[in-house]
Amino acid sequence: MTGIKSTVLVISPLNTIINQQVEFLRKGGLQVQWIQSQENMSTQDKKAIKSGDISILFASPESALTKFGRSVLMRKPLKDQLVAQVYDEAHCIPSWGFAWRPQYSKVDELVSLIPKPILCLSGTLIGLIFLSIILK
C-alpha cells in the first residue's frame, strides 16, 4: 500500500503490548511500524518509515525520545503526515514517570515536537491522574 497521507503516533508503555498490537493490526492489513532501537529495526521497517507508508507508528516513551526516535518523527514525509498522538495506558505517565521510568514523565517533549491532537487512553484513568497529565 502506498500513498498513505495520515499517520497516528501511539505511545505505549510496554514492548509486549506494542508487539501484540503491531501483529494484530498487520494481520488486519494496516501499514504499522514500531520505533525500536536503530539496531533492532529491519531495513524494510526503516524504509517504510522513511517513505511515510505507514498509518500507525508505535513507540515506547524511551524509544520516541532517543536521538534516533526524534529523527524519525521529525523526518519528512512522516512529520507532515502525523495527525495525532495517542497515549495508551495513560495512567502510567504519572505513576511510572517520576521514579521508575523517567522518560515517561517527559512525554510533554513529544507534545512540543508534534503539536497535534492528543488522545489519552486507559481503563483505569481516574480524574486526579488525568488532571496531573494535563497540567504537566
N, C-alpha and C. Protein backbone atom coordinates (compact mmCIF):
# COMPACT_ATOMS: atom_id res chain seq x y z
N MET A 1 0.86 -1.18 0.00
CA MET A 1 0.00 0.00 0.00
C MET A 1 0.90 1.24 0.00
N THR A 2 0.64 2.16 -0.88
CA THR A 2 1.41 3.39 -0.93
C THR A 2 0.48 4.58 -0.91
N GLY A 3 1.04 5.74 -0.68
CA GLY A 3 0.25 6.95 -0.71
C GLY A 3 -0.51 7.26 0.56
N ILE A 4 -0.14 6.67 1.68
CA ILE A 4 -0.80 6.97 2.94
C ILE A 4 -0.53 8.42 3.29
N LYS A 5 -1.55 9.14 3.64
CA LYS A 5 -1.42 10.58 3.89
C LYS A 5 -1.50 10.96 5.36
N SER A 6 -1.95 10.06 6.22
CA SER A 6 -2.09 10.36 7.64
C SER A 6 -1.50 9.24 8.47
N THR A 7 -0.79 9.64 9.51
CA THR A 7 -0.18 8.68 10.42
C THR A 7 -0.49 9.10 11.85
N VAL A 8 -0.83 8.13 12.68
CA VAL A 8 -1.08 8.36 14.10
C VAL A 8 0.08 7.77 14.88
N LEU A 9 0.62 8.53 15.81
CA LEU A 9 1.68 8.06 16.70
C LEU A 9 1.03 7.52 17.97
N VAL A 10 1.36 6.28 18.31
CA VAL A 10 0.83 5.65 19.52
C VAL A 10 1.99 5.39 20.48
N ILE A 11 1.94 6.01 21.64
CA ILE A 11 2.94 5.80 22.68
C ILE A 11 2.38 4.80 23.67
N SER A 12 3.10 3.73 23.87
CA SER A 12 2.64 2.65 24.75
C SER A 12 3.76 2.27 25.71
N PRO A 13 3.44 1.91 26.94
CA PRO A 13 4.47 1.70 27.94
C PRO A 13 5.24 0.38 27.86
N LEU A 14 4.64 -0.64 27.27
CA LEU A 14 5.26 -1.96 27.33
C LEU A 14 5.48 -2.53 25.94
N ASN A 15 6.69 -3.01 25.69
CA ASN A 15 7.01 -3.61 24.40
C ASN A 15 6.11 -4.80 24.08
N THR A 16 5.71 -5.55 25.08
CA THR A 16 4.82 -6.69 24.86
C THR A 16 3.49 -6.23 24.29
N ILE A 17 2.95 -5.16 24.83
CA ILE A 17 1.70 -4.62 24.33
C ILE A 17 1.88 -4.12 22.89
N ILE A 18 2.95 -3.39 22.66
CA ILE A 18 3.22 -2.88 21.31
C ILE A 18 3.32 -4.03 20.32
N ASN A 19 4.09 -5.05 20.67
CA ASN A 19 4.28 -6.18 19.78
C ASN A 19 2.94 -6.85 19.43
N GLN A 20 2.10 -7.05 20.44
CA GLN A 20 0.79 -7.66 20.20
C GLN A 20 -0.08 -6.79 19.29
N GLN A 21 -0.07 -5.49 19.54
CA GLN A 21 -0.89 -4.59 18.73
C GLN A 21 -0.38 -4.52 17.29
N VAL A 22 0.93 -4.45 17.12
CA VAL A 22 1.51 -4.41 15.77
C VAL A 22 1.14 -5.67 15.00
N GLU A 23 1.32 -6.83 15.61
CA GLU A 23 0.97 -8.09 14.94
C GLU A 23 -0.51 -8.14 14.55
N PHE A 24 -1.37 -7.77 15.48
CA PHE A 24 -2.81 -7.80 15.24
C PHE A 24 -3.19 -6.86 14.09
N LEU A 25 -2.68 -5.64 14.12
CA LEU A 25 -3.04 -4.65 13.10
C LEU A 25 -2.48 -5.01 11.72
N ARG A 26 -1.28 -5.58 11.70
CA ARG A 26 -0.71 -6.02 10.42
C ARG A 26 -1.54 -7.15 9.82
N LYS A 27 -2.02 -8.06 10.66
CA LYS A 27 -2.89 -9.15 10.16
C LYS A 27 -4.17 -8.59 9.56
N GLY A 28 -4.59 -7.44 10.05
CA GLY A 28 -5.77 -6.77 9.53
C GLY A 28 -5.50 -5.94 8.29
N GLY A 29 -4.25 -5.93 7.84
CA GLY A 29 -3.91 -5.23 6.61
C GLY A 29 -3.44 -3.80 6.77
N LEU A 30 -3.29 -3.33 7.98
CA LEU A 30 -2.82 -1.96 8.19
C LEU A 30 -1.30 -1.87 8.05
N GLN A 31 -0.84 -0.73 7.60
CA GLN A 31 0.59 -0.46 7.50
C GLN A 31 1.05 0.11 8.84
N VAL A 32 1.68 -0.71 9.64
CA VAL A 32 2.04 -0.36 11.01
C VAL A 32 3.54 -0.57 11.20
N GLN A 33 4.17 0.36 11.89
CA GLN A 33 5.59 0.23 12.22
C GLN A 33 5.79 0.53 13.70
N TRP A 34 6.98 0.22 14.16
CA TRP A 34 7.32 0.36 15.58
C TRP A 34 8.73 0.93 15.66
N ILE A 35 8.86 2.10 16.30
CA ILE A 35 10.19 2.67 16.53
C ILE A 35 10.83 1.89 17.67
N GLN A 36 11.89 1.20 17.35
CA GLN A 36 12.68 0.50 18.35
C GLN A 36 14.07 1.12 18.31
N SER A 37 15.04 0.48 18.88
CA SER A 37 16.39 0.99 18.72
C SER A 37 16.77 0.80 17.26
N GLN A 38 17.64 1.66 16.79
CA GLN A 38 18.04 1.61 15.39
C GLN A 38 18.58 0.24 15.00
N GLU A 39 19.27 -0.39 15.93
CA GLU A 39 19.87 -1.70 15.67
C GLU A 39 18.82 -2.81 15.57
N ASN A 40 17.69 -2.65 16.25
CA ASN A 40 16.66 -3.70 16.27
C ASN A 40 15.65 -3.60 15.14
N MET A 41 15.74 -2.57 14.33
CA MET A 41 14.79 -2.40 13.24
C MET A 41 15.35 -2.96 11.95
N SER A 42 14.51 -3.65 11.22
CA SER A 42 14.94 -4.21 9.94
C SER A 42 15.09 -3.09 8.90
N THR A 43 15.83 -3.37 7.87
CA THR A 43 16.00 -2.41 6.78
C THR A 43 14.64 -2.09 6.15
N GLN A 44 13.80 -3.11 6.03
CA GLN A 44 12.46 -2.93 5.45
C GLN A 44 11.61 -2.00 6.32
N ASP A 45 11.68 -2.17 7.64
CA ASP A 45 10.91 -1.31 8.54
C ASP A 45 11.40 0.13 8.46
N LYS A 46 12.70 0.32 8.45
CA LYS A 46 13.27 1.67 8.34
C LYS A 46 12.85 2.33 7.03
N LYS A 47 12.85 1.54 5.96
CA LYS A 47 12.46 2.05 4.64
C LYS A 47 11.00 2.49 4.64
N ALA A 48 10.12 1.70 5.25
CA ALA A 48 8.69 2.04 5.31
C ALA A 48 8.48 3.34 6.08
N ILE A 49 9.19 3.50 7.19
CA ILE A 49 9.08 4.74 7.96
C ILE A 49 9.60 5.91 7.16
N LYS A 50 10.73 5.73 6.53
CA LYS A 50 11.35 6.81 5.74
C LYS A 50 10.45 7.26 4.60
N SER A 51 9.75 6.30 3.97
CA SER A 51 8.88 6.64 2.85
C SER A 51 7.54 7.23 3.30
N GLY A 52 7.19 7.01 4.57
CA GLY A 52 5.92 7.52 5.09
C GLY A 52 4.74 6.62 4.79
N ASP A 53 5.00 5.41 4.33
CA ASP A 53 3.92 4.48 4.01
C ASP A 53 3.46 3.71 5.24
N ILE A 54 3.02 4.44 6.25
CA ILE A 54 2.52 3.82 7.47
C ILE A 54 1.31 4.60 7.96
N SER A 55 0.37 3.89 8.54
CA SER A 55 -0.81 4.56 9.08
C SER A 55 -0.74 4.70 10.60
N ILE A 56 -0.04 3.77 11.25
CA ILE A 56 0.12 3.83 12.70
C ILE A 56 1.58 3.56 13.03
N LEU A 57 2.15 4.43 13.84
CA LEU A 57 3.54 4.29 14.28
C LEU A 57 3.55 4.15 15.79
N PHE A 58 4.03 3.02 16.28
CA PHE A 58 4.12 2.77 17.71
C PHE A 58 5.51 3.11 18.24
N ALA A 59 5.57 3.47 19.51
CA ALA A 59 6.85 3.70 20.18
C ALA A 59 6.63 3.67 21.68
N SER A 60 7.66 3.28 22.40
CA SER A 60 7.65 3.47 23.85
C SER A 60 8.11 4.91 24.09
N PRO A 61 7.87 5.46 25.26
CA PRO A 61 8.37 6.81 25.53
C PRO A 61 9.89 6.88 25.36
N GLU A 62 10.58 5.83 25.82
CA GLU A 62 12.04 5.82 25.73
C GLU A 62 12.52 5.84 24.28
N SER A 63 11.90 5.01 23.42
CA SER A 63 12.37 4.95 22.03
C SER A 63 11.99 6.21 21.26
N ALA A 64 10.85 6.80 21.56
CA ALA A 64 10.44 8.02 20.85
C ALA A 64 11.34 9.20 21.21
N LEU A 65 11.86 9.22 22.43
CA LEU A 65 12.66 10.36 22.88
C LEU A 65 14.16 10.21 22.68
N THR A 66 14.60 9.08 22.09
CA THR A 66 16.02 8.95 21.77
C THR A 66 16.34 9.84 20.58
N LYS A 67 17.62 10.01 20.33
CA LYS A 67 18.04 10.79 19.17
C LYS A 67 17.48 10.17 17.89
N PHE A 68 17.56 8.84 17.79
CA PHE A 68 17.03 8.15 16.62
C PHE A 68 15.51 8.33 16.52
N GLY A 69 14.80 8.16 17.63
CA GLY A 69 13.35 8.31 17.62
C GLY A 69 12.91 9.70 17.21
N ARG A 70 13.58 10.70 17.74
CA ARG A 70 13.26 12.09 17.37
C ARG A 70 13.52 12.33 15.88
N SER A 71 14.62 11.77 15.39
CA SER A 71 14.94 11.97 13.96
C SER A 71 13.88 11.31 13.08
N VAL A 72 13.37 10.16 13.50
CA VAL A 72 12.29 9.50 12.75
C VAL A 72 11.05 10.39 12.73
N LEU A 73 10.68 10.92 13.87
CA LEU A 73 9.46 11.72 13.98
C LEU A 73 9.56 13.07 13.28
N MET A 74 10.77 13.59 13.13
CA MET A 74 10.95 14.90 12.52
C MET A 74 11.27 14.83 11.02
N ARG A 75 11.42 13.63 10.50
CA ARG A 75 11.77 13.45 9.08
C ARG A 75 10.53 13.51 8.21
N LYS A 76 10.63 14.24 7.12
CA LYS A 76 9.54 14.27 6.14
C LYS A 76 9.61 13.01 5.30
N PRO A 77 8.52 12.47 4.84
CA PRO A 77 7.16 13.00 4.89
C PRO A 77 6.41 12.69 6.19
N LEU A 78 6.98 11.83 7.04
CA LEU A 78 6.26 11.41 8.24
C LEU A 78 5.86 12.61 9.10
N LYS A 79 6.76 13.55 9.28
CA LYS A 79 6.46 14.71 10.13
C LYS A 79 5.19 15.42 9.67
N ASP A 80 5.03 15.56 8.37
CA ASP A 80 3.86 16.24 7.84
C ASP A 80 2.60 15.38 7.89
N GLN A 81 2.76 14.08 7.97
CA GLN A 81 1.63 13.15 7.98
C GLN A 81 1.06 12.90 9.36
N LEU A 82 1.83 13.21 10.42
CA LEU A 82 1.34 12.94 11.77
C LEU A 82 0.11 13.79 12.06
N VAL A 83 -0.97 13.13 12.44
CA VAL A 83 -2.22 13.85 12.68
C VAL A 83 -2.66 13.80 14.14
N ALA A 84 -2.08 12.88 14.92
CA ALA A 84 -2.49 12.77 16.33
C ALA A 84 -1.47 11.94 17.10
N GLN A 85 -1.49 12.15 18.42
CA GLN A 85 -0.70 11.34 19.34
C GLN A 85 -1.68 10.63 20.26
N VAL A 86 -1.47 9.33 20.43
CA VAL A 86 -2.31 8.56 21.32
C VAL A 86 -1.42 7.99 22.43
N TYR A 87 -1.82 8.17 23.66
CA TYR A 87 -1.08 7.63 24.80
C TYR A 87 -1.88 6.48 25.38
N ASP A 88 -1.40 5.27 25.09
CA ASP A 88 -2.05 4.06 25.58
C ASP A 88 -1.61 3.84 27.03
N GLU A 89 -2.50 3.34 27.84
CA GLU A 89 -2.21 3.12 29.26
C GLU A 89 -1.72 4.43 29.91
N ALA A 90 -2.44 5.50 29.65
CA ALA A 90 -2.03 6.84 30.08
C ALA A 90 -1.88 6.97 31.59
N HIS A 91 -2.55 6.11 32.35
CA HIS A 91 -2.41 6.19 33.81
C HIS A 91 -0.96 5.93 34.24
N CYS A 92 -0.17 5.33 33.37
CA CYS A 92 1.23 5.04 33.69
C CYS A 92 2.12 6.29 33.66
N ILE A 93 1.68 7.33 32.98
CA ILE A 93 2.53 8.52 32.84
C ILE A 93 2.91 9.09 34.20
N PRO A 94 1.95 9.44 35.05
CA PRO A 94 2.38 9.98 36.35
C PRO A 94 2.86 8.92 37.33
N SER A 95 2.31 7.71 37.27
CA SER A 95 2.69 6.72 38.28
C SER A 95 4.05 6.09 37.99
N TRP A 96 4.44 5.98 36.73
CA TRP A 96 5.74 5.39 36.40
C TRP A 96 6.80 6.45 36.13
N GLY A 97 6.35 7.60 35.66
CA GLY A 97 7.28 8.58 35.11
C GLY A 97 8.22 9.27 36.05
N PHE A 98 7.89 9.34 37.29
CA PHE A 98 8.72 10.15 38.16
C PHE A 98 9.81 9.36 38.87
N ALA A 99 9.65 8.09 39.00
CA ALA A 99 10.66 7.30 39.72
C ALA A 99 11.20 6.16 38.88
N TRP A 100 10.31 5.33 38.37
CA TRP A 100 10.72 4.09 37.73
C TRP A 100 11.19 4.30 36.30
N ARG A 101 10.46 5.08 35.51
CA ARG A 101 10.80 5.31 34.11
C ARG A 101 10.77 6.81 33.84
N PRO A 102 11.87 7.48 34.10
CA PRO A 102 11.90 8.95 33.99
C PRO A 102 11.49 9.48 32.62
N GLN A 103 11.76 8.73 31.55
CA GLN A 103 11.39 9.21 30.22
C GLN A 103 9.87 9.37 30.09
N TYR A 104 9.14 8.59 30.88
CA TYR A 104 7.69 8.68 30.80
C TYR A 104 7.18 10.03 31.29
N SER A 105 7.91 10.65 32.20
CA SER A 105 7.49 11.97 32.67
C SER A 105 7.89 13.07 31.69
N LYS A 106 8.55 12.71 30.60
CA LYS A 106 8.98 13.69 29.60
C LYS A 106 8.16 13.62 28.32
N VAL A 107 7.00 12.99 28.38
CA VAL A 107 6.18 12.90 27.18
C VAL A 107 5.72 14.28 26.70
N ASP A 108 5.78 15.27 27.59
CA ASP A 108 5.44 16.62 27.15
C ASP A 108 6.39 17.12 26.06
N GLU A 109 7.60 16.56 26.01
CA GLU A 109 8.53 16.92 24.93
C GLU A 109 7.98 16.48 23.58
N LEU A 110 7.29 15.35 23.56
CA LEU A 110 6.67 14.90 22.31
C LEU A 110 5.54 15.84 21.90
N VAL A 111 4.82 16.34 22.87
CA VAL A 111 3.76 17.29 22.57
C VAL A 111 4.34 18.54 21.92
N SER A 112 5.51 18.99 22.41
CA SER A 112 6.17 20.15 21.81
C SER A 112 6.68 19.85 20.41
N LEU A 113 7.23 18.65 20.22
CA LEU A 113 7.75 18.26 18.90
C LEU A 113 6.64 18.08 17.88
N ILE A 114 5.52 17.55 18.33
CA ILE A 114 4.41 17.20 17.44
C ILE A 114 3.15 17.89 17.96
N PRO A 115 2.94 19.13 17.59
CA PRO A 115 1.77 19.86 18.10
C PRO A 115 0.48 19.44 17.38
N LYS A 116 0.04 18.24 17.71
CA LYS A 116 -1.17 17.66 17.11
C LYS A 116 -2.11 17.22 18.23
N PRO A 117 -3.35 16.93 17.90
CA PRO A 117 -4.30 16.48 18.94
C PRO A 117 -3.78 15.26 19.70
N ILE A 118 -4.16 15.20 20.96
CA ILE A 118 -3.71 14.13 21.86
C ILE A 118 -4.92 13.37 22.39
N LEU A 119 -4.78 12.04 22.41
CA LEU A 119 -5.81 11.19 22.99
C LEU A 119 -5.14 10.32 24.04
N CYS A 120 -5.63 10.39 25.28
CA CYS A 120 -5.11 9.56 26.37
C CYS A 120 -6.10 8.43 26.63
N LEU A 121 -5.61 7.20 26.56
CA LEU A 121 -6.45 6.02 26.76
C LEU A 121 -6.01 5.24 27.99
N SER A 122 -6.98 4.78 28.74
CA SER A 122 -6.68 3.97 29.91
C SER A 122 -7.98 3.37 30.44
N GLY A 123 -7.87 2.15 30.88
CA GLY A 123 -9.03 1.54 31.51
C GLY A 123 -9.16 1.93 32.97
N THR A 124 -8.11 2.55 33.52
CA THR A 124 -8.11 2.87 34.95
C THR A 124 -7.72 4.32 35.23
N LEU A 125 -7.89 5.20 34.27
CA LEU A 125 -7.50 6.60 34.44
C LEU A 125 -8.57 7.34 35.24
N ILE A 126 -8.22 7.73 36.46
CA ILE A 126 -9.16 8.47 37.29
C ILE A 126 -8.91 9.97 37.14
N GLY A 127 -9.85 10.75 37.57
CA GLY A 127 -9.82 12.19 37.40
C GLY A 127 -8.55 12.88 37.82
N LEU A 128 -8.04 12.59 39.02
CA LEU A 128 -6.84 13.27 39.51
C LEU A 128 -5.61 12.93 38.68
N ILE A 129 -5.50 11.71 38.24
CA ILE A 129 -4.36 11.32 37.39
C ILE A 129 -4.47 12.03 36.04
N PHE A 130 -5.68 12.06 35.48
CA PHE A 130 -5.90 12.77 34.21
C PHE A 130 -5.50 14.23 34.35
N LEU A 131 -5.91 14.85 35.43
CA LEU A 131 -5.58 16.25 35.66
C LEU A 131 -4.07 16.45 35.77
N SER A 132 -3.36 15.54 36.43
CA SER A 132 -1.91 15.69 36.56
C SER A 132 -1.22 15.56 35.21
N ILE A 133 -1.75 14.73 34.30
CA ILE A 133 -1.19 14.60 32.95
C ILE A 133 -1.40 15.91 32.19
N ILE A 134 -2.60 16.45 32.25
CA ILE A 134 -2.93 17.69 31.53
C ILE A 134 -2.10 18.85 32.05
N LEU A 135 -1.94 18.95 33.36
CA LEU A 135 -1.19 20.08 33.93
C LEU A 135 0.30 19.99 33.70
N LYS A 136 0.82 18.80 33.44
CA LYS A 136 2.24 18.62 33.18
C LYS A 136 2.57 19.34 31.90
